[in-house]
Every structure is written in C-alpha cells, then in structure tokens.
C-alpha cells in the first residue's frame, strides 16, 4: 500500500513500484488507508507493506501505524521523510517492522528498501508484491 497526499508524488511512486513489477494499492490519506485496511481485514489480498509519507495532514505516523497495526498486526512500514526526527524515530522503532527512507530518493533506492523487507519476511523468489 502506498499513501501520499500529494497526487504528483503518489503517481510517481505508483509508476516506480509498477516499473519494478510490484503490485500495490494506493490511498491519498491515512483515513482512507485505514478504511481500506478495515475492509480488507481477513480477506485474501491484504497489504503486507505500507509505504507512507511521514507527515500526513489527518494523522501523524505514530497514530497511523498504531491504528493500522490494530487492524492488521503483521503490517510493515517504510516511512518517507525529508529528515527523520531522532525522538520520533525512537517511538516509531518500538513498532516491529518499521524503516524509513529519506527524500529525495531514487527508484532504485526505494526498491532496495522494499527488497530488504521482502528478504526479511521470506518472500524472496515470489512474484514481487506489496500485497499478500
């Protein structure tokens, strides 16, 4: 799942992950992403990784991760940020399966982060997907 409130950024991220063969779903804000996760709960194709902007208007990263993990405890997160605040990262890193990538990043850098997630979670050799 990719979440970004800025349409241009979201479209670039969509194109980037699709060009590397990844399947994904998209949301323009945290509330709609949480609604999707709630609807998809216990269904066959649910997100296993959330790529999200660190600063969202309606929810901060900690609130979103907490609520998303309540809906789907096995979710992992890659946070996109211009600069990671050390105190905030200390809070976020208490959640399992969280990482971040600093902006600006290249498509290759993003795919490398996603690949690290895939290897860590035993999906190596399967068709690339951000969905289960």
C-alpha atoms as a PDB file:
ATOM      1  CA  UNK A   1       0.000   0.000   0.000  1.00  0.00           C
ATOM      2  CA  UNK A   2       1.268   3.457  -0.890  1.00  0.00           C
ATOM      3  CA  UNK A   3      -0.056   6.529   0.948  1.00  0.00           C
ATOM      4  CA  UNK A   4       0.745  10.068  -0.135  1.00  0.00           C
ATOM      5  CA  UNK A   5      -1.478  13.140  -0.024  1.00  0.00           C
ATOM      6  CA  UNK A   6       0.243  14.783  -2.975  1.00  0.00           C
ATOM      7  CA  UNK A   7      -1.101  13.423  -6.259  1.00  0.00           C
ATOM      8  CA  UNK A   8       2.121  14.061  -8.174  1.00  0.00           C
ATOM      9  CA  UNK A   9       4.160  12.146  -5.571  1.00  0.00           C
ATOM     10  CA  UNK A  10       1.627   9.327  -5.466  1.00  0.00           C
ATOM     11  CA  UNK A  11       1.671   8.995  -9.254  1.00  0.00           C
ATOM     12  CA  UNK A  12       5.487   8.897  -9.282  1.00  0.00           C
ATOM     13  CA  UNK A  13       5.540   6.245  -6.558  1.00  0.00           C
ATOM     14  CA  UNK A  14       2.890   4.189  -8.385  1.00  0.00           C
ATOM     15  CA  UNK A  15       4.899   4.312 -11.599  1.00  0.00           C
ATOM     16  CA  UNK A  16       8.116   3.479  -9.765  1.00  0.00           C
ATOM     17  CA  UNK A  17       6.878   0.376  -7.978  1.00  0.00           C
ATOM     18  CA  UNK A  18       4.954  -0.813 -11.036  1.00  0.00           C
ATOM     19  CA  UNK A  19       8.047  -0.435 -13.254  1.00  0.00           C
ATOM     20  CA  UNK A  20       9.829  -2.910 -10.973  1.00  0.00           C
ATOM     21  CA  UNK A  21       6.910  -5.355 -11.156  1.00  0.00           C
ATOM     22  CA  UNK A  22       5.349  -4.718  -7.746  1.00  0.00           C
ATOM     23  CA  UNK A  23       1.596  -4.913  -7.172  1.00  0.00           C
ATOM     24  CA  UNK A  24       0.089  -2.333  -4.856  1.00  0.00           C
ATOM     25  CA  UNK A  25      -2.952  -0.350  -3.761  1.00  0.00           C
ATOM     26  CA  UNK A  26      -2.996   3.382  -3.144  1.00  0.00           C
ATOM     27  CA  UNK A  27      -4.520   5.924  -0.787  1.00  0.00           C
ATOM     28  CA  UNK A  28      -4.336   9.707  -0.624  1.00  0.00           C
ATOM     29  CA  UNK A  29      -4.641   9.980   3.160  1.00  0.00           C
ATOM     30  CA  UNK A  30      -4.425   7.990   6.363  1.00  0.00           C
ATOM     31  CA  UNK A  31      -8.164   7.802   6.938  1.00  0.00           C
ATOM     32  CA  UNK A  32      -8.902   6.236   3.556  1.00  0.00           C
ATOM     33  CA  UNK A  33      -5.973   3.843   4.026  1.00  0.00           C
ATOM     34  CA  UNK A  34      -7.353   2.736   7.400  1.00  0.00           C
ATOM     35  CA  UNK A  35     -10.810   2.247   5.862  1.00  0.00           C
ATOM     36  CA  UNK A  36      -9.266   0.059   3.166  1.00  0.00           C
ATOM     37  CA  UNK A  37      -7.343  -1.976   5.765  1.00  0.00           C
ATOM     38  CA  UNK A  38     -10.514  -2.471   7.796  1.00  0.00           C
ATOM     39  CA  UNK A  39     -12.476  -3.627   4.738  1.00  0.00           C
ATOM     40  CA  UNK A  40      -9.655  -5.916   3.621  1.00  0.00           C
ATOM     41  CA  UNK A  41      -9.133  -7.403   7.081  1.00  0.00           C
ATOM     42  CA  UNK A  42      -9.222 -11.209   6.821  1.00  0.00           C
ATOM     43  CA  UNK A  43      -9.524 -11.120   3.015  1.00  0.00           C
ATOM     44  CA  UNK A  44      -7.212 -12.825   0.587  1.00  0.00           C
ATOM     45  CA  UNK A  45      -5.266  -9.823  -0.810  1.00  0.00           C
ATOM     46  CA  UNK A  46      -4.273  -7.542   2.030  1.00  0.00           C
ATOM     47  CA  UNK A  47      -1.301  -5.187   2.142  1.00  0.00           C
ATOM     48  CA  UNK A  48       1.815  -6.540   3.791  1.00  0.00           C
ATOM     49  CA  UNK A  49       3.876  -3.357   3.434  1.00  0.00           C
ATOM     50  CA  UNK A  50       2.837   0.282   3.749  1.00  0.00           C
ATOM     51  CA  UNK A  51       4.960   2.919   2.059  1.00  0.00           C
ATOM     52  CA  UNK A  52       3.823   6.202   3.535  1.00  0.00           C
ATOM     53  CA  UNK A  53       4.700   9.846   3.816  1.00  0.00           C
ATOM     54  CA  UNK A  54       5.885  10.610   7.330  1.00  0.00           C
ATOM     55  CA  UNK A  55       3.850  13.819   7.554  1.00  0.00           C
ATOM     56  CA  UNK A  56       0.180  13.339   6.765  1.00  0.00           C
ATOM     57  CA  UNK A  57      -2.411  16.025   7.431  1.00  0.00           C
ATOM     58  CA  UNK A  58      -5.067  13.959   9.171  1.00  0.00           C
ATOM     59  CA  UNK A  59      -2.895  11.521  11.191  1.00  0.00           C
ATOM     60  CA  UNK A  60       0.715  11.527  12.248  1.00  0.00           C
ATOM     61  CA  UNK A  61       2.880   8.490  11.547  1.00  0.00           C
ATOM     62  CA  UNK A  62       2.665   7.109  15.095  1.00  0.00           C
ATOM     63  CA  UNK A  63      -1.145   7.362  15.159  1.00  0.00           C
ATOM     64  CA  UNK A  64      -1.452   5.738  11.742  1.00  0.00           C
ATOM     65  CA  UNK A  65       0.935   2.863  12.488  1.00  0.00           C
ATOM     66  CA  UNK A  66      -0.776   2.192  15.818  1.00  0.00           C
ATOM     67  CA  UNK A  67      -4.258   2.106  14.252  1.00  0.00           C
ATOM     68  CA  UNK A  68      -3.104   0.105  11.210  1.00  0.00           C
ATOM     69  CA  UNK A  69      -1.354  -2.493  13.398  1.00  0.00           C
ATOM     70  CA  UNK A  70      -4.554  -2.859  15.444  1.00  0.00           C
ATOM     71  CA  UNK A  71      -6.329  -3.799  12.207  1.00  0.00           C
ATOM     72  CA  UNK A  72      -3.525  -5.890  10.701  1.00  0.00           C
ATOM     73  CA  UNK A  73      -0.751  -6.715  13.187  1.00  0.00           C
ATOM     74  CA  UNK A  74       1.648  -8.138  10.587  1.00  0.00           C
ATOM     75  CA  UNK A  75       1.927  -4.953   8.528  1.00  0.00           C
ATOM     76  CA  UNK A  76       5.364  -3.481   7.907  1.00  0.00           C
ATOM     77  CA  UNK A  77       6.075   0.176   7.170  1.00  0.00           C
ATOM     78  CA  UNK A  78       8.560   2.244   5.206  1.00  0.00           C
ATOM     79  CA  UNK A  79       8.250   5.915   6.082  1.00  0.00           C
ATOM     80  CA  UNK A  80       9.276   8.576   3.576  1.00  0.00           C
ATOM     81  CA  UNK A  81      10.685  11.723   5.154  1.00  0.00           C
ATOM     82  CA  UNK A  82      12.926  14.661   4.353  1.00  0.00           C
ATOM     83  CA  UNK A  83      14.712  14.239   7.666  1.00  0.00           C
ATOM     84  CA  UNK A  84      13.984  11.731  10.396  1.00  0.00           C
ATOM     85  CA  UNK A  85      13.494  13.250  13.826  1.00  0.00           C
ATOM     86  CA  UNK A  86      15.546  11.111  16.241  1.00  0.00           C
ATOM     87  CA  UNK A  87      12.990  11.295  19.078  1.00  0.00           C
ATOM     88  CA  UNK A  88      10.140  10.393  16.765  1.00  0.00           C
ATOM     89  CA  UNK A  89      12.140   7.519  15.273  1.00  0.00           C
ATOM     90  CA  UNK A  90      12.761   6.177  18.781  1.00  0.00           C
ATOM     91  CA  UNK A  91       8.978   5.971  19.263  1.00  0.00           C
ATOM     92  CA  UNK A  92       8.301   4.509  15.825  1.00  0.00           C
ATOM     93  CA  UNK A  93      11.098   1.951  16.037  1.00  0.00           C
ATOM     94  CA  UNK A  94       9.297   0.396  19.020  1.00  0.00           C
ATOM     95  CA  UNK A  95       6.834  -0.969  16.486  1.00  0.00           C
ATOM     96  CA  UNK A  96       8.134  -4.062  14.753  1.00  0.00           C
ATOM     97  CA  UNK A  97       8.844  -3.960  11.030  1.00  0.00           C
ATOM     98  CA  UNK A  98       9.360  -0.213  10.546  1.00  0.00           C
ATOM     99  CA  UNK A  99      12.015   1.501   8.482  1.00  0.00           C
ATOM    100  CA  UNK A 100      12.409   4.815   6.715  1.00  0.00           C
ATOM    101  CA  UNK A 101      13.880   6.324   3.577  1.00  0.00           C
ATOM    102  CA  UNK A 102      14.976   9.937   3.333  1.00  0.00           C
ATOM    103  CA  UNK A 103      13.813  12.167   0.490  1.00  0.00           C
ATOM    104  CA  UNK A 104      14.877  12.685  -2.151  1.00  0.00           C
ATOM    105  CA  UNK A 105      15.420   9.054  -3.066  1.00  0.00           C
ATOM    106  CA  UNK A 106      15.826   7.231  -6.348  1.00  0.00           C
ATOM    107  CA  UNK A 107      13.524   4.481  -7.590  1.00  0.00           C
ATOM    108  CA  UNK A 108      16.446   2.075  -7.121  1.00  0.00           C
ATOM    109  CA  UNK A 109      16.853   3.215  -3.509  1.00  0.00           C
ATOM    110  CA  UNK A 110      13.172   2.626  -2.840  1.00  0.00           C
ATOM    111  CA  UNK A 111      13.198  -0.795  -4.472  1.00  0.00           C
ATOM    112  CA  UNK A 112      16.260  -1.669  -2.376  1.00  0.00           C
ATOM    113  CA  UNK A 113      14.285  -0.851   0.809  1.00  0.00           C
ATOM    114  CA  UNK A 114      11.328  -2.915  -0.427  1.00  0.00           C
ATOM    115  CA  UNK A 115      13.680  -5.791  -1.313  1.00  0.00           C
ATOM    116  CA  UNK A 116      15.185  -5.685   2.182  1.00  0.00           C
ATOM    117  CA  UNK A 117      11.655  -6.065   3.547  1.00  0.00           C
ATOM    118  CA  UNK A 118      10.928  -8.984   1.187  1.00  0.00           C
ATOM    119  CA  UNK A 119      14.104 -10.836   2.166  1.00  0.00           C
ATOM    120  CA  UNK A 120      13.470 -10.243   5.871  1.00  0.00           C
ATOM    121  CA  UNK A 121       9.952 -11.622   5.576  1.00  0.00           C
ATOM    122  CA  UNK A 122      10.766 -14.678   3.485  1.00  0.00           C
ATOM    123  CA  UNK A 123       9.140 -13.602   0.235  1.00  0.00           C
ATOM    124  CA  UNK A 124      12.320 -13.937  -1.847  1.00  0.00           C
ATOM    125  CA  UNK A 125      11.647 -15.866  -5.036  1.00  0.00           C
ATOM    126  CA  UNK A 126       7.949 -14.993  -5.103  1.00  0.00           C
ATOM    127  CA  UNK A 127       6.379 -12.530  -7.524  1.00  0.00           C
ATOM    128  CA  UNK A 128       7.099  -9.045  -6.202  1.00  0.00           C
ATOM    129  CA  UNK A 129       4.126  -7.655  -4.347  1.00  0.00           C
ATOM    130  CA  UNK A 130       3.256  -5.208  -1.646  1.00  0.00           C
ATOM    131  CA  UNK A 131       0.122  -7.321  -1.132  1.00  0.00           C
ATOM    132  CA  UNK A 132      -0.265 -10.787   0.378  1.00  0.00           C
END
